[in-house]
Protein backbone atom coordinates (compact mmCIF):
# COMPACT_ATOMS: atom_id res chain seq x y z
CA MET A 1 37.90 -66.66 -65.31
CA GLU A 2 39.25 -63.57 -66.99
CA ARG A 3 41.81 -65.69 -68.87
CA ASN A 4 39.02 -67.88 -70.36
CA THR A 5 37.04 -64.83 -71.50
CA CYS A 6 40.14 -63.30 -73.04
CA GLY A 7 41.02 -66.56 -74.77
CA ALA A 8 37.50 -66.94 -76.24
CA SER A 9 37.56 -63.39 -77.53
CA THR A 10 40.92 -64.03 -79.16
CA ILE A 11 39.58 -67.13 -80.92
CA VAL A 12 36.53 -65.23 -82.21
CA LEU A 13 38.74 -62.39 -83.42
CA LEU A 14 41.11 -64.79 -85.17
CA THR A 15 38.15 -66.54 -86.79
CA LEU A 16 36.79 -63.22 -88.10
CA LEU A 17 40.19 -62.23 -89.41
CA GLN A 18 40.52 -65.55 -91.17
CA GLY A 19 37.10 -64.97 -92.74
CA PHE A 20 38.06 -61.53 -93.97
CA LEU A 21 41.34 -62.85 -95.31
CA ALA A 22 39.50 -65.63 -97.11
CA SER A 23 37.03 -63.11 -98.57
CA ASP A 24 39.85 -60.97 -99.88
CA ALA A 25 41.75 -63.93 -101.29
CA VAL A 26 38.85 -65.45 -103.24
CA GLU A 27 36.72 -63.66 -105.84
CA VAL A 28 33.43 -64.64 -107.47
CA GLN A 29 33.61 -64.42 -111.27
CA PRO A 30 30.38 -64.60 -113.34
CA SER A 31 30.58 -66.29 -116.74
CA MET A 32 28.98 -63.10 -118.08
CA ASN A 33 28.04 -59.80 -116.47
CA PRO A 34 25.72 -58.25 -117.39
CA ALA A 35 23.85 -61.44 -118.12
CA VAL A 36 21.10 -61.73 -120.74
CA ALA A 37 17.60 -62.47 -119.51
CA GLY A 38 16.61 -66.06 -120.33
CA SER A 39 20.19 -67.29 -120.40
CA THR A 40 22.31 -69.27 -117.91
CA VAL A 41 25.15 -67.90 -115.79
CA THR A 42 27.77 -69.65 -113.67
CA LEU A 43 29.35 -67.94 -110.66
CA SER A 44 32.78 -69.49 -110.14
CA LEU A 45 35.38 -68.97 -107.42
CA PHE A 46 38.84 -67.73 -108.31
CA PRO A 47 41.38 -68.87 -107.54
CA PRO A 48 39.74 -72.32 -107.49
CA VAL A 49 39.18 -73.85 -104.07
CA THR A 50 37.83 -77.16 -102.82
CA LEU A 51 34.79 -76.79 -100.57
CA THR A 52 33.06 -79.50 -98.55
CA SER A 53 30.04 -77.37 -97.59
CA GLY A 54 28.53 -73.94 -97.96
CA ASN A 55 25.54 -71.92 -99.15
CA TRP A 56 24.61 -69.32 -101.78
CA ALA A 57 22.28 -66.37 -101.22
CA VAL A 58 21.18 -63.24 -103.09
CA ARG A 59 19.92 -60.12 -101.31
CA GLU A 60 19.75 -62.10 -98.05
CA THR A 61 17.54 -64.73 -99.70
CA PHE A 62 18.98 -68.27 -99.68
CA ILE A 63 19.28 -70.03 -103.02
CA LEU A 64 20.77 -73.37 -101.96
CA THR A 65 23.02 -75.08 -99.42
CA TRP A 66 25.23 -78.16 -99.66
CA LEU A 67 27.13 -80.56 -97.45
CA GLY A 68 29.38 -83.11 -99.06
CA GLU A 69 27.54 -84.64 -102.01
CA GLN A 70 24.15 -83.46 -100.81
CA GLN A 71 22.57 -80.15 -101.83
CA ALA A 72 19.20 -78.58 -101.09
CA VAL A 73 17.60 -75.87 -103.28
CA PHE A 74 15.26 -73.36 -101.65
CA PRO A 75 11.76 -72.59 -103.04
CA GLY A 76 11.84 -70.17 -105.93
CA TYR A 77 15.03 -71.67 -107.35
CA THR A 78 13.96 -75.29 -107.75
CA GLY A 79 14.80 -76.58 -111.22
CA ARG A 80 17.08 -73.71 -112.17
CA ALA A 81 19.82 -73.54 -109.51
CA SER A 82 22.60 -76.06 -108.82
CA VAL A 83 26.05 -76.09 -107.24
CA ASN A 84 29.27 -77.91 -107.97
CA VAL A 85 29.76 -79.56 -104.57
CA THR A 86 33.53 -79.62 -105.06
CA THR A 87 34.31 -76.12 -106.36
CA GLY A 88 31.25 -74.34 -104.98
CA ALA A 89 30.37 -72.82 -108.40
CA LEU A 90 26.71 -71.81 -108.67
CA THR A 91 24.82 -72.26 -111.95
CA LEU A 92 21.57 -70.33 -112.39
CA SER A 93 19.40 -70.75 -115.49
CA SER A 94 16.31 -69.06 -116.99
CA LEU A 95 17.49 -65.70 -115.72
CA THR A 96 15.09 -62.81 -115.23
CA VAL A 97 15.69 -59.14 -114.48
CA THR A 98 14.67 -59.82 -110.86
CA ASP A 99 17.71 -62.10 -110.53
CA SER A 100 19.91 -58.98 -110.46
CA GLY A 101 21.61 -58.40 -107.11
CA VAL A 102 24.56 -59.18 -104.88
CA TYR A 103 25.32 -62.92 -104.74
CA LYS A 104 27.15 -64.20 -101.65
CA VAL A 105 28.82 -67.55 -101.04
CA GLN A 106 29.77 -68.70 -97.55
CA SER A 107 31.64 -71.78 -96.41
CA GLY A 108 32.97 -73.03 -93.09
CA ASP A 109 35.41 -75.59 -94.47
CA PRO A 110 37.54 -73.82 -95.48
CA LEU A 111 36.36 -70.51 -94.05
CA LEU A 112 35.15 -68.38 -96.98
CA ASN A 113 32.90 -65.38 -97.50
CA ALA A 114 32.83 -63.77 -100.98
CA ASN A 115 30.30 -61.91 -103.11
CA VAL A 116 29.71 -60.32 -106.51
CA SER A 117 27.08 -58.00 -107.99
CA LEU A 118 25.29 -59.50 -110.98
CA THR A 119 23.10 -57.54 -113.41
CA VAL A 120 20.54 -59.30 -115.59
CA VAL A 121 19.42 -57.26 -118.59
CA GLU A 122 16.53 -57.82 -120.98
CA PRO A 123 17.24 -57.14 -124.68
CA ILE A 124 15.50 -54.14 -126.28
CA SER A 125 12.80 -54.65 -128.89
CA ASN A 126 10.26 -52.52 -130.77
CA VAL A 127 11.13 -48.91 -129.91
CA THR A 128 8.11 -46.69 -130.65
CA LEU A 129 7.13 -43.04 -130.27
CA ASN A 130 3.78 -41.67 -129.19
CA VAL A 131 2.96 -37.99 -129.85
CA ASN A 132 0.29 -36.14 -127.86
CA GLN A 133 -0.66 -34.03 -130.88
CA SER A 134 1.05 -33.44 -134.21
CA TYR A 135 -0.43 -30.03 -135.09
CA LEU A 136 0.91 -27.23 -132.91
CA ILE A 137 0.88 -23.41 -132.89
CA GLU A 138 4.11 -21.51 -132.35
CA LEU A 139 4.54 -20.12 -128.81
CA GLN A 140 1.00 -21.22 -127.90
CA THR A 141 1.21 -25.00 -127.51
CA SER A 142 3.75 -27.59 -126.32
CA GLY A 143 4.90 -30.80 -127.96
CA LEU A 144 5.09 -34.05 -125.96
CA ILE A 145 6.67 -37.28 -127.26
CA LYS A 146 6.88 -40.54 -125.30
CA CYS A 147 9.40 -43.26 -126.15
CA SER A 148 8.61 -46.84 -125.17
CA VAL A 149 9.89 -50.38 -125.79
CA SER A 150 8.08 -53.70 -125.92
CA THR A 151 10.89 -55.38 -123.99
CA GLY A 152 14.10 -54.14 -122.41
CA SER A 153 15.62 -53.15 -119.08
CA SER A 154 18.38 -50.86 -117.77
CA LEU A 155 17.42 -48.44 -120.52
CA PHE A 156 19.35 -45.36 -121.62
CA PHE A 157 17.43 -42.87 -123.81
CA LEU A 158 19.00 -40.51 -126.36
CA TRP A 159 16.83 -38.05 -128.32
CA MET A 160 17.77 -36.78 -131.77
CA ASN A 161 16.39 -33.95 -133.91
CA GLY A 162 17.63 -34.83 -137.37
CA SER A 163 21.38 -35.33 -136.92
CA SER A 164 21.60 -33.21 -133.74
CA GLU A 165 21.24 -34.45 -130.17
CA VAL A 166 18.38 -32.89 -128.19
CA THR A 167 19.58 -31.51 -124.87
CA ALA A 168 17.67 -30.13 -121.90
CA GLY A 169 17.16 -26.36 -121.70
CA ASP A 170 14.69 -23.64 -120.83
CA ARG A 171 12.07 -25.03 -123.23
CA VAL A 172 13.23 -28.65 -123.47
CA GLN A 173 12.43 -31.02 -120.60
CA PHE A 174 13.05 -34.74 -120.07
CA THR A 175 10.94 -36.79 -117.64
CA ASP A 176 10.25 -40.44 -116.79
CA GLY A 177 13.92 -41.36 -116.90
CA ASN A 178 14.43 -39.38 -120.13
CA SER A 179 11.82 -41.50 -121.91
CA THR A 180 9.52 -38.48 -122.37
CA LEU A 181 10.47 -35.34 -124.30
CA ASN A 182 8.48 -32.15 -123.67
CA ILE A 183 9.08 -29.01 -125.75
CA VAL A 184 7.40 -26.03 -124.09
CA SER A 185 5.98 -23.27 -126.33
CA VAL A 186 7.25 -24.74 -129.58
CA SER A 187 8.92 -22.62 -132.24
CA ARG A 188 8.87 -23.13 -135.99
CA TYR A 189 12.31 -24.76 -135.71
CA ASP A 190 10.99 -27.57 -133.48
CA SER A 191 9.28 -29.47 -136.28
CA GLY A 192 11.75 -32.38 -136.25
CA PRO A 193 12.26 -35.07 -137.40
CA PHE A 194 12.57 -36.49 -133.86
CA ARG A 195 13.65 -40.02 -133.03
CA CYS A 196 14.54 -41.96 -129.89
CA ASP A 197 17.65 -44.14 -129.60
CA VAL A 198 17.45 -46.65 -126.72
CA SER A 199 20.34 -48.76 -125.46
CA ASN A 200 21.39 -50.98 -122.58
CA PRO A 201 24.61 -52.96 -121.95
CA ILE A 202 23.61 -55.78 -124.31
CA SER A 203 21.44 -54.24 -127.06
CA ASN A 204 20.05 -51.11 -128.68
CA GLY A 205 17.10 -49.96 -130.76
CA THR A 206 15.90 -46.91 -132.70
CA SER A 207 12.39 -45.62 -133.28
CA ASP A 208 10.92 -44.32 -136.50
CA SER A 209 11.00 -40.53 -136.87
CA VAL A 210 8.07 -38.23 -136.15
CA ASN A 211 7.46 -34.62 -137.13
CA PHE A 212 5.39 -31.79 -135.74
CA THR A 213 3.38 -29.55 -138.04
CA ILE A 214 3.82 -26.10 -136.52
CA SER A 215 1.71 -23.14 -137.56
CA TYR A 216 3.40 -19.74 -137.32
CA GLY A 217 3.40 -16.19 -138.67
CA PRO A 218 2.81 -14.16 -140.66
CA ASP A 219 5.94 -12.18 -139.82
CA ASN A 220 9.20 -10.89 -141.31
CA MET A 221 7.29 -9.18 -144.11
CA ARG A 222 9.01 -7.53 -147.09
CA LEU A 223 7.71 -5.62 -150.11
CA THR A 224 9.60 -5.04 -153.33
CA VAL A 225 8.65 -2.95 -156.38
CA ASN A 226 9.93 -4.19 -159.73
CA GLY A 227 12.58 -6.07 -157.72
CA LEU A 228 14.34 -2.75 -157.00
CA ASN A 229 15.29 -0.82 -153.87
CA THR A 230 13.93 2.46 -155.23
CA THR A 231 10.36 3.67 -154.71
CA SER A 232 10.43 6.53 -157.23
CA PHE A 233 9.15 5.94 -160.76
CA SER A 234 8.20 7.94 -163.81
CA ALA A 235 4.65 8.38 -165.02
CA GLY A 236 3.76 5.79 -167.62
CA SER A 237 5.77 3.05 -165.93
CA ASN A 238 4.45 -0.42 -165.16
CA LEU A 239 4.86 -1.46 -161.49
CA SER A 240 4.88 -4.96 -159.97
CA MET A 241 4.71 -4.96 -156.18
CA LEU A 242 5.57 -8.32 -154.61
CA CYS A 243 4.82 -9.14 -150.95
CA PHE A 244 6.84 -11.71 -148.95
CA THR A 245 6.12 -13.15 -145.50
CA GLU A 246 7.00 -16.19 -143.37
CA SER A 247 3.83 -18.10 -142.59
CA ASN A 248 2.59 -21.66 -142.17
CA PRO A 249 0.08 -22.33 -143.56
CA PRO A 250 0.53 -19.74 -146.34
CA ALA A 251 -1.02 -16.42 -145.42
CA HIS A 252 -3.98 -14.72 -147.08
CA PHE A 253 -3.14 -11.32 -148.61
CA GLN A 254 -4.97 -8.05 -149.04
CA TRP A 255 -3.70 -4.78 -150.55
CA THR A 256 -4.59 -1.20 -149.69
CA PHE A 257 -3.77 2.19 -151.24
CA ARG A 258 -3.98 5.24 -148.97
CA GLY A 259 -5.87 3.06 -146.50
CA ASN A 260 -8.49 1.93 -149.04
CA ILE A 261 -8.81 -1.72 -149.98
CA VAL A 262 -7.61 -2.65 -153.46
CA ASN A 263 -9.43 -5.47 -155.22
CA VAL A 264 -6.33 -7.71 -155.25
CA THR A 265 -5.81 -10.63 -152.86
CA GLY A 266 -2.61 -12.32 -154.09
CA THR A 267 1.03 -11.74 -153.27
CA MET A 268 1.43 -9.38 -156.27
CA LEU A 269 -0.12 -6.01 -157.08
CA GLU A 270 0.41 -4.82 -160.65
CA LEU A 271 -0.08 -1.25 -161.92
CA PHE A 272 0.16 -0.33 -165.59
CA ASN A 273 0.96 3.05 -167.15
CA VAL A 274 0.94 4.75 -163.75
CA ARG A 275 0.00 8.39 -163.20
CA GLU A 276 1.20 11.01 -160.72
CA ASP A 277 -2.03 10.76 -158.73
CA GLN A 278 -1.17 7.12 -157.98
CA SER A 279 1.64 8.25 -155.70
CA GLY A 280 1.17 7.37 -152.04
CA PRO A 281 1.39 4.56 -149.46
CA TYR A 282 0.73 1.02 -150.63
CA SER A 283 0.26 -1.63 -147.93
CA CYS A 284 0.31 -5.42 -148.04
CA LEU A 285 -1.68 -7.11 -145.28
CA ALA A 286 -1.19 -10.83 -144.40
CA PHE A 287 -3.41 -13.04 -142.22
CA ASN A 288 -2.97 -16.64 -140.95
CA ASN A 289 -6.32 -18.27 -140.19
CA LEU A 290 -4.76 -20.92 -137.88
CA THR A 291 -2.63 -18.68 -135.69
CA ASN A 292 -5.18 -15.83 -135.97
CA LEU A 293 -2.26 -13.46 -136.41
CA HIS A 294 -1.86 -10.69 -138.97
CA SER A 295 0.94 -8.43 -140.11
CA ASN A 296 1.51 -5.72 -142.70
CA VAL A 297 4.21 -3.81 -144.55
CA THR A 298 3.94 -0.42 -146.28
CA THR A 299 5.95 1.31 -148.98
CA HIS A 300 5.54 4.91 -150.23
CA ILE A 301 5.56 5.17 -154.01
CA THR A 302 6.42 8.45 -155.73
CA ILE A 303 5.39 8.86 -159.36
CA SER A 304 6.74 11.93 -161.20
CA LYS A 305 6.39 13.34 -164.72
CA SER A 306 8.48 11.68 -167.35
CA GLU A 307 11.74 13.61 -167.95
CA GLN A 308 11.68 12.59 -171.60
CA LEU A 309 8.20 14.03 -171.93
CA GLU A 310 9.29 17.34 -170.37
CA VAL A 311 12.22 17.61 -172.79
CA ASN A 312 9.97 16.95 -175.75
CA VAL A 313 7.50 19.62 -174.65
CA PHE A 314 10.32 22.16 -174.24
CA LEU A 315 11.80 21.38 -177.66
CA LEU A 316 8.50 21.25 -179.53
CA PRO A 317 8.32 25.05 -180.41
CA LEU A 318 11.92 24.98 -181.61
CA LEU A 319 11.27 21.94 -183.73
CA MET A 320 8.16 23.48 -185.21
CA ALA A 321 10.05 26.68 -186.05
CA GLY A 322 12.82 24.69 -187.67
CA ILE A 323 10.38 22.72 -189.79
CA PHE A 324 8.63 25.97 -190.89
CA GLN A 325 11.94 27.50 -191.99
CA ILE A 326 12.88 24.41 -193.96
CA ASN A 327 9.52 24.39 -195.75
CA LEU A 328 9.85 28.09 -196.50
CA ALA A 329 13.28 27.61 -197.95
CA LEU A 330 12.05 24.86 -200.19
CA SER A 331 9.17 26.95 -201.47
CA VAL A 332 11.41 29.89 -202.74
CA PRO A 333 12.56 29.36 -206.37
CA ARG A 334 16.27 29.33 -206.98
CA LEU A 335 17.78 32.13 -209.08
CA LEU A 336 19.79 30.90 -211.99
């Protein structure tokens, strides 16, 4: 009794080993992998073998079975699956993305068990971008862009800002399989242009570019006087004070002198034939009506008496005396 049990176990073990050996010896080779959705693929056995029976399945779902010249196709594959009853090659047409999976062929004569993983990919078409809002305020709002395709599967998303790749960071986040780009608390340098490049193993596509309009400033203010670094000038000079700031949209300007508003609202304040009493602090104030931010810059102007004028006043008595002496000399008759 024990000998029979031992003999049966040995037969089962030998059968399993033969199956494993057959599986290792024979491979399933798709005519294309990945396969394009809508196309036809053939799964062939290599090296070629002659089979008298067997069955094909994918993800534990039977596709068809055959015995000799007869074959039966299971529901769901009628009209698009067939087998070469001699070689065991499976042909599957009108592929869809759901046809992706592990395909397994089994046969008892000869003993065979082999499989292959097949991927069916849909070509990409019509890559588009959708922006939550185009007008943003620096450090106050976030920018969200969604990338989508009309058709396509197994998608890989790459985001570009101009010619530079956008990478994740403290303020840059990717969600939904990298199809959504979120820029938290945008800065003025996040305006774009942004685009989305989408690819899969069989195709690729690129969206049109989009830009953000980002309001910022005013900040980084500067004030120059006559385009010079000095703030000391002589009485009688003409002064042109020019105010610079970084702001989008352009800032509104107001000038003050010693804290009092000057009736000038542009970027330039001009003073002609200045006097000493016009010395003091001049301030340029800038305001952005979208960010509701303001900034200012101040310069202290010193206006002194003209050195040329002081010299002339000092020399005037001497000049007058000299002129008097010349006139006197001319008025005395010469002695012959």
